[in-house]
Structure formats: C-alpha cells, structure tokens
Amino acid sequence: MTAHTKIAVVVLNYNSAAYTLRCIESLRRHTAAPVTVNVVVVDNNSAPADKKLLATIRPGTATLVWSERNLGFAGGMMLGARSVQAEYYFFLNNDCEFLNDVLSILTQFMEAHAEAALCSASMFDADDRPRSSFGYLPSLALMILGAGVLRLFQPRRYPRRHRLYRTPVEVPVVTGAAMFVRGSVLWQLSGLDTAYFLYCEEEDFAWRIRQAGRKVYHVPQARIRHVGGASSGQPELQAALQREYYISLFRFLRSQHGAVYAFALRLLVATKILRRALLGRMPFGLLGFVLRGAPENRSLRYRQNQ
C-alpha cells in the first residue's frame, strides 16, 4: 500500500482505454493544484491492444494496476482502492469527464458535513444535457406505487430525480459512475461488496451506509459529463447484461430484505416482463430466467473463459 494521500481516484478500464485517457486528462485539467490526488487505473483484463494503449499513460500521471481476470465493477474498484491509503476514495467510470473542479467541491462538502459518507456530482450526457445523478433503493412499494405516489407520503425519501438542484440534497443512492466516499466509512463497511459483478453495487453500499447511521448526498455544484456505455455497448451483450442486472437485483433483495420479500418482487418483475414480451419489447427467454430466480451461475463472471 502506498503512502497516505488526500484523495484516491480509482478508474476502471475494460477494453476502453481511449475513454480512460480522456477521463484522466479532464481530471488533471480541472483539479486545483493544492489538492493531493493519487489516480489509480485498474485494467480488468482487457485485450492486448487496449492494454498497450493504456500503458502509454505517463509515469507519475496514474498508477496502473493489472488484473489477470475481469473482476467486475466492485471487484476491480476494490482492487484499486486496496492499493492506496487515502482520506477519500472516488470510484469513477472511465467514460466520465470533469466539467469543473469536482474533487475540490466534493472534498469541501464532505469536510463541512461530518454525517456524509458518500456523495456524487451532477451528471450530463455527451451533449451536456442533464441526466439522472441519483436513484431510489429497489422495493416492493416502489415497484407497485412508483416514486410519484410515494413522494406524497415521504417527500424526503423520494426526491425528484430530474430536478435541477442548486444546493446539496440527501438522496437514497447516487450513481455508481461517480461515487465519492469517506475512506473511514469505506473500510468500516468492508468496501464495496465484490459478490456483485455488475449492477446494484451502489444500492448495496448506500443501504449499508444508511444502516450505519450515515448519509448520502447529491452535490449539484460538481459537474461531470458521463457519456455512458464505454465497456458494455455492444448489441450482442445486451441480453447478457439484462440477465446480469436481475442476478444483482435479486441478490440485493435477498441480502437486505430476505428470501420471501425477494420472491414477491420477482413475481412482480416477471409480470412486467411478460407484458413487455407479449408486446415484442423483451425476449421471452428473460421471463424464464427471472422465474428461475436469476441463477448466479449464469453470471458473466463465469463466462470469461468460454
């Protein structure tokens, strides 16, 4: 483990080194000099050509960590986090670009709010249009009633996702694309749960933060452009990614609410998939997969050598 630093920015690369290079360049361009930053780039066993491009990162710009297999999102991020000791950790998608001094803004917010364990920035798409920066924790109530109805009874628990905020607001869960975490809380909670290969890592982590009595915030003054889809945009992967999402969703529900609760929500999900399948909007195969409980042995984690 390297010497202590103020902020460790952990960037995950998987067959998308061009995005990673732009991400790091934007970070360096927009970060004020007094902020002590250690950038760690974790390569999740990319193809040789992509690794070669990644290796062009200048020494001193970032620390490269090479994984011999694809560890998934949480696994890759935690591999990077364990390589550096820091006061704050910023888990950042490589298809993100800073639009202002994000690190200084988020650090100042966290230091002024001791109750905050996790926060994130305002997110914008490739055309600089606002996109959702936070979400809600999955639940039966949310699936049945929707956030609009639940907001009538619990407005603070269900803040409007598409509103442009001017001041920080407490939220249930921030986007996994840019998670700024207090280091002491990260290690107190044993980090991101690496049992999740893709999806729901942020929901699980936000849930555990709230259970520990800490808070999660959206900090709109910090601004990030998130292009999206740097590592998973190939059409042939979409069915596999849909299955992976439900594997993670049901793992989260079983872990935090129990098997009976997860089963009830699975039936609701199956009903919605059936309706969409009948309209030709979803494959019937996904319905069968969900009804079987989204078995984890179908995860992309186990298909790497196939």
Foldseek 3Di string as FASTA:
>chain_A
DDDEFAEEEEEEDAQQLVLLVQALVLQVVAADPVHTYAYEYEYACHDPVSVVSNVVPDPPSYHYHYDNHRLAQQGRRVVRVVVHHHQKYKYAYSQKGWPHNQVVLVVVVCVVDVLAFKEFEFEAAPVRHTDFFWDAQDAPCCLPPNLVVVCVVVVLARPDRPDQDDAKHFYQFGDSNIMMGGRVLCVVVPHFPSVQRDPDSRNLSSVVSVVVVGTYMYGHVTYMYRHDDSNNVDPVCPVLVVLSHQLNSLVSCCVPPNDVRSLVVLVSVLVVQVVCVVVVNHPVVVSVCSNVVSDPCSHPSNVRVD
